Amino acid sequence: MNVTCLIPCFNERERIGEVLNVIVQVRYVAQVVCVDDGSTDGTADYIESNWPEVEVIRLQKNVGKTEAIKQGLKYVQYETLLMMDADLQNLRKDELEAALEAYQKYKSIDMVILRRINSPWFVKWYRSDVLLSGERILQTADLKQVLKQKLKCYQLEVAINRFMLRHKKVVRWMPWSAMNTYKVDKLGVLDGSKKEFLMYVDIVNYVGFSHMCLQLASFTKKLKHKSGRPAQKRQLYLKDYFS
């Protein structure tokens, strides 16, 4: 199985190195594409200087995560896609490889979500650790179908969820130790909180209140997967909304 990892980034020079240092070592990942979304901090130059094997796509102006991913899809070579955020901390190579192995093994799975199990309690309370996780394994063709819609920056993950539900796709989650960097840490309390609020307004406006409640209530249930590799003996859990 060959996989493309697609990473949109905007002014992430201080954080993206932690992500790329792990991703370029992950088994099955045969292509890494970073889409620099009009960064002003030298992110693209930094990536090219330190990770020459990574393909860098430079956008001239900031267009937002969703459009950056849409542009990046033009360069994706493989049918299986690993979506990854650029601001993650504490990534684990073994967790990524286990998720990719599960995706390959269980042929009925259409998407694996990497659930951010170390998220704060209030994030888990409204299930953003699953519903809004930016780390997903899915078919490139499915993501292209989702992006035929007109979406705003913060609506991509719930749009993917809705697509999977409407097309009766099989979706599971696996535990993911990595943490994203919250907007309040990047922008400060005032601006960060405002961005967070606007994000949820955009999400609810897009999917509607009733469908958002459906995702909150019923998106994902449990299935157990054990890695076949001797070095990895721990149990890994997935969830499927069909069982």
Protein backbone atom coordinates (compact mmCIF):
# COMPACT_ATOMS: atom_id res chain seq x y z
CA MET A 1 0.00 0.00 0.00
CA ASN A 2 1.35 3.38 -1.05
CA VAL A 3 -0.08 6.42 0.72
CA THR A 4 0.12 10.16 0.12
CA CYS A 5 0.26 12.37 3.21
CA LEU A 6 -1.25 15.80 2.54
CA ILE A 7 -0.43 18.63 4.95
CA PRO A 8 -1.76 22.19 4.57
CA CYS A 9 0.21 24.79 6.50
CA PHE A 10 0.09 28.50 7.23
CA ASN A 11 2.85 30.16 9.27
CA GLU A 12 3.81 26.87 10.93
CA ARG A 13 7.60 27.16 10.69
CA GLU A 14 7.94 26.71 14.46
CA ARG A 15 5.77 23.58 14.61
CA ILE A 16 5.79 21.66 11.33
CA GLY A 17 9.22 20.14 11.90
CA GLU A 18 7.85 17.92 14.66
CA VAL A 19 5.26 16.59 12.22
CA LEU A 20 7.57 16.05 9.25
CA ASN A 21 10.29 14.34 11.29
CA VAL A 22 7.79 11.57 12.03
CA ILE A 23 5.83 11.47 8.77
CA VAL A 24 8.85 10.94 6.51
CA GLN A 25 9.70 7.78 8.50
CA VAL A 26 6.23 6.22 8.46
CA ARG A 27 5.91 2.92 6.63
CA TYR A 28 3.51 3.04 3.64
CA VAL A 29 3.81 6.83 3.22
CA ALA A 30 5.36 7.10 -0.25
CA GLN A 31 4.60 10.77 -0.91
CA VAL A 32 4.39 13.80 1.37
CA VAL A 33 2.82 16.98 -0.02
CA CYS A 34 2.87 20.21 2.00
CA VAL A 35 0.70 23.06 0.74
CA ASP A 36 2.05 26.39 1.98
CA ASP A 37 -1.04 28.56 2.24
CA GLY A 38 0.57 31.95 1.68
CA SER A 39 2.81 31.82 4.77
CA THR A 40 4.82 34.91 5.67
CA ASP A 41 7.23 33.25 8.12
CA GLY A 42 9.30 31.25 5.64
CA THR A 43 7.53 27.94 6.20
CA ALA A 44 7.98 26.74 2.60
CA ASP A 45 11.70 27.58 2.51
CA TYR A 46 12.21 25.88 5.86
CA ILE A 47 10.58 22.66 4.62
CA GLU A 48 12.52 22.60 1.36
CA SER A 49 15.81 23.17 3.17
CA ASN A 50 15.33 20.43 5.75
CA TRP A 51 13.12 17.82 4.10
CA PRO A 52 14.06 17.70 0.38
CA GLU A 53 11.93 14.57 -0.10
CA VAL A 54 8.77 16.55 0.72
CA GLU A 55 6.91 18.22 -2.16
CA VAL A 56 6.08 21.84 -1.34
CA ILE A 57 3.23 23.59 -3.13
CA ARG A 58 3.33 27.37 -2.66
CA LEU A 59 0.13 29.39 -2.79
CA GLN A 60 0.60 33.11 -3.39
CA LYS A 61 -2.00 34.19 -0.86
CA ASN A 62 -3.77 32.71 2.14
CA VAL A 63 -6.92 30.92 0.96
CA GLY A 64 -7.74 28.79 4.01
CA LYS A 65 -7.29 25.13 4.88
CA THR A 66 -10.06 23.72 2.70
CA GLU A 67 -8.94 25.47 -0.48
CA ALA A 68 -5.30 24.63 0.27
CA ILE A 69 -6.19 20.94 0.47
CA LYS A 70 -8.17 21.24 -2.74
CA GLN A 71 -5.11 22.68 -4.48
CA GLY A 72 -2.87 20.00 -2.96
CA LEU A 73 -5.07 17.21 -4.29
CA LYS A 74 -3.89 18.09 -7.80
CA TYR A 75 -0.46 16.69 -6.88
CA VAL A 76 -1.55 13.56 -5.02
CA GLN A 77 -0.24 10.40 -6.69
CA TYR A 78 -1.88 7.61 -4.69
CA GLU A 79 -5.40 6.35 -4.10
CA THR A 80 -5.04 6.27 -0.31
CA LEU A 81 -4.67 9.60 1.46
CA LEU A 82 -3.48 10.49 4.96
CA MET A 83 -4.68 13.96 5.95
CA MET A 84 -2.48 15.59 8.56
CA ASP A 85 -2.42 18.94 10.36
CA ALA A 86 0.83 20.91 10.54
CA ASP A 87 0.62 22.05 14.18
CA LEU A 88 0.64 18.69 15.97
CA GLN A 89 2.71 17.77 19.00
CA ASN A 90 3.76 14.36 20.35
CA LEU A 91 3.17 12.31 17.20
CA ARG A 92 3.82 8.59 17.43
CA LYS A 93 5.06 6.67 14.41
CA ASP A 94 3.70 3.36 15.73
CA GLU A 95 0.17 4.75 16.01
CA LEU A 96 0.23 6.02 12.45
CA GLU A 97 1.55 2.72 11.10
CA ALA A 98 -1.03 0.76 13.08
CA ALA A 99 -3.83 2.91 11.64
CA LEU A 100 -2.54 2.44 8.10
CA GLU A 101 -2.23 -1.31 8.66
CA ALA A 102 -5.83 -1.46 9.91
CA TYR A 103 -7.04 0.51 6.91
CA GLN A 104 -5.31 -1.96 4.63
CA LYS A 105 -6.47 -5.05 6.54
CA TYR A 106 -10.17 -4.21 6.92
CA LYS A 107 -11.26 -3.81 3.33
CA SER A 108 -14.74 -2.66 4.30
CA ILE A 109 -13.40 0.48 5.98
CA ASP A 110 -13.80 3.68 3.98
CA MET A 111 -12.20 6.05 6.49
CA VAL A 112 -10.19 5.87 9.71
CA ILE A 113 -10.23 8.92 11.98
CA LEU A 114 -7.32 9.39 14.35
CA ARG A 115 -9.06 10.42 17.55
CA ARG A 116 -7.19 12.91 19.74
CA ILE A 117 -7.53 11.01 23.00
CA ASN A 118 -5.47 13.51 25.01
CA SER A 119 -7.76 16.42 24.23
CA PRO A 120 -9.14 18.45 27.17
CA TRP A 121 -12.42 17.29 28.70
CA PHE A 122 -14.46 20.10 27.14
CA VAL A 123 -13.26 19.08 23.65
CA LYS A 124 -14.28 15.48 24.33
CA TRP A 125 -17.60 16.65 25.77
CA TYR A 126 -18.77 17.91 22.36
CA ARG A 127 -16.79 15.19 20.56
CA SER A 128 -14.47 17.47 18.62
CA ASP A 129 -11.68 14.98 19.34
CA VAL A 130 -13.39 12.74 16.76
CA LEU A 131 -15.68 14.88 14.64
CA LEU A 132 -13.15 17.64 13.96
CA SER A 133 -9.94 15.64 13.95
CA GLY A 134 -7.84 16.68 10.97
CA GLU A 135 -6.00 13.35 10.89
CA ARG A 136 -7.85 10.92 8.64
CA ILE A 137 -7.12 8.05 6.27
CA LEU A 138 -9.50 7.80 3.31
CA GLN A 139 -9.65 7.38 -0.42
CA THR A 140 -8.43 10.33 -2.46
CA ALA A 141 -11.46 9.95 -4.73
CA ASP A 142 -13.85 10.37 -1.78
CA LEU A 143 -12.17 13.59 -0.66
CA LYS A 144 -12.38 14.94 -4.20
CA GLN A 145 -16.13 14.27 -4.14
CA VAL A 146 -16.49 16.15 -0.84
CA LEU A 147 -14.58 19.12 -2.24
CA LYS A 148 -16.94 19.52 -5.16
CA GLN A 149 -19.08 21.43 -2.67
CA LYS A 150 -18.43 25.04 -1.76
CA LEU A 151 -16.95 24.88 1.72
CA LYS A 152 -15.47 27.38 4.14
CA CYS A 153 -12.22 26.77 5.95
CA TYR A 154 -13.65 25.20 9.11
CA GLN A 155 -16.32 23.06 7.47
CA LEU A 156 -14.15 20.39 5.86
CA GLU A 157 -14.13 17.72 8.57
CA VAL A 158 -17.89 17.80 9.20
CA ALA A 159 -18.46 17.85 5.43
CA ILE A 160 -16.41 14.65 5.17
CA ASN A 161 -18.43 13.15 8.05
CA ARG A 162 -21.69 14.03 6.34
CA PHE A 163 -20.50 12.57 3.03
CA MET A 164 -19.60 9.30 4.76
CA LEU A 165 -22.96 9.11 6.53
CA ARG A 166 -25.02 9.94 3.44
CA HIS A 167 -23.19 7.39 1.30
CA LYS A 168 -23.33 4.71 4.00
CA LYS A 169 -19.57 4.50 4.22
CA VAL A 170 -17.84 2.58 7.00
CA VAL A 171 -15.96 4.88 9.38
CA ARG A 172 -13.82 3.91 12.37
CA TRP A 173 -11.60 5.69 14.82
CA MET A 174 -8.28 4.77 16.36
CA PRO A 175 -6.50 6.36 19.32
CA TRP A 176 -4.05 9.13 18.55
CA SER A 177 -1.76 10.57 21.22
CA ALA A 178 -0.86 13.71 19.29
CA MET A 179 -2.29 17.06 20.29
CA ASN A 180 -3.03 20.01 18.06
CA THR A 181 -2.03 23.56 18.97
CA TYR A 182 -5.12 25.54 19.92
CA LYS A 183 -5.93 28.91 18.43
CA VAL A 184 -5.60 30.65 21.80
CA ASP A 185 -1.98 29.45 21.95
CA LYS A 186 -1.26 30.79 18.47
CA LEU A 187 -3.27 34.02 18.53
CA GLY A 188 -3.77 34.86 22.19
CA VAL A 189 -6.87 34.44 24.33
CA LEU A 190 -9.03 37.13 22.73
CA ASP A 191 -8.33 36.50 19.05
CA GLY A 192 -8.05 32.74 19.54
CA SER A 193 -11.40 32.50 21.35
CA LYS A 194 -13.04 34.59 18.63
CA LYS A 195 -11.65 32.26 15.95
CA GLU A 196 -12.88 29.20 17.87
CA PHE A 197 -16.37 30.69 18.19
CA LEU A 198 -16.56 31.57 14.49
CA MET A 199 -15.39 28.06 13.63
CA TYR A 200 -18.34 26.45 15.40
CA VAL A 201 -20.77 28.97 13.91
CA ASP A 202 -19.50 28.05 10.42
CA ILE A 203 -19.81 24.34 11.15
CA VAL A 204 -23.39 24.50 12.41
CA ASN A 205 -24.42 26.84 9.60
CA TYR A 206 -23.09 24.34 7.06
CA VAL A 207 -24.47 21.01 8.30
CA GLY A 208 -27.51 22.34 10.15
CA PHE A 209 -28.42 21.79 13.79
CA SER A 210 -30.20 18.46 13.29
CA HIS A 211 -27.37 16.85 11.31
CA MET A 212 -24.82 18.18 13.79
CA CYS A 213 -26.82 16.45 16.53
CA LEU A 214 -26.76 13.25 14.45
CA GLN A 215 -22.98 13.38 14.22
CA LEU A 216 -22.70 14.11 17.93
CA ALA A 217 -25.00 11.25 18.87
CA SER A 218 -24.20 8.40 16.51
CA PHE A 219 -21.02 8.88 14.50
CA THR A 220 -18.75 5.90 15.42
CA LYS A 221 -18.95 2.72 17.51
CA LYS A 222 -16.40 0.23 18.72
CA LEU A 223 -14.28 -2.46 17.05
CA LYS A 224 -11.02 -3.96 18.34
CA HIS A 225 -7.91 -4.38 16.21
CA LYS A 226 -4.61 -5.98 17.19
CA SER A 227 -1.50 -5.20 15.20
CA GLY A 228 0.14 -8.22 13.60
CA ARG A 229 3.65 -6.90 14.17
CA PRO A 230 5.43 -8.58 17.13
CA ALA A 231 6.96 -5.32 18.30
CA GLN A 232 3.53 -3.86 18.87
CA LYS A 233 1.57 -6.00 21.32
CA ARG A 234 -0.87 -3.46 22.67
CA GLN A 235 -4.52 -3.46 21.67
CA LEU A 236 -5.67 -0.66 19.37
CA TYR A 237 -9.30 0.36 19.18
CA LEU A 238 -11.39 1.46 16.25
CA LYS A 239 -15.02 2.50 16.13
CA ASP A 240 -17.58 1.92 13.44
CA TYR A 241 -21.01 3.59 13.28
CA PHE A 242 -22.58 0.47 11.72
CA SER A 243 -22.04 -2.27 14.35
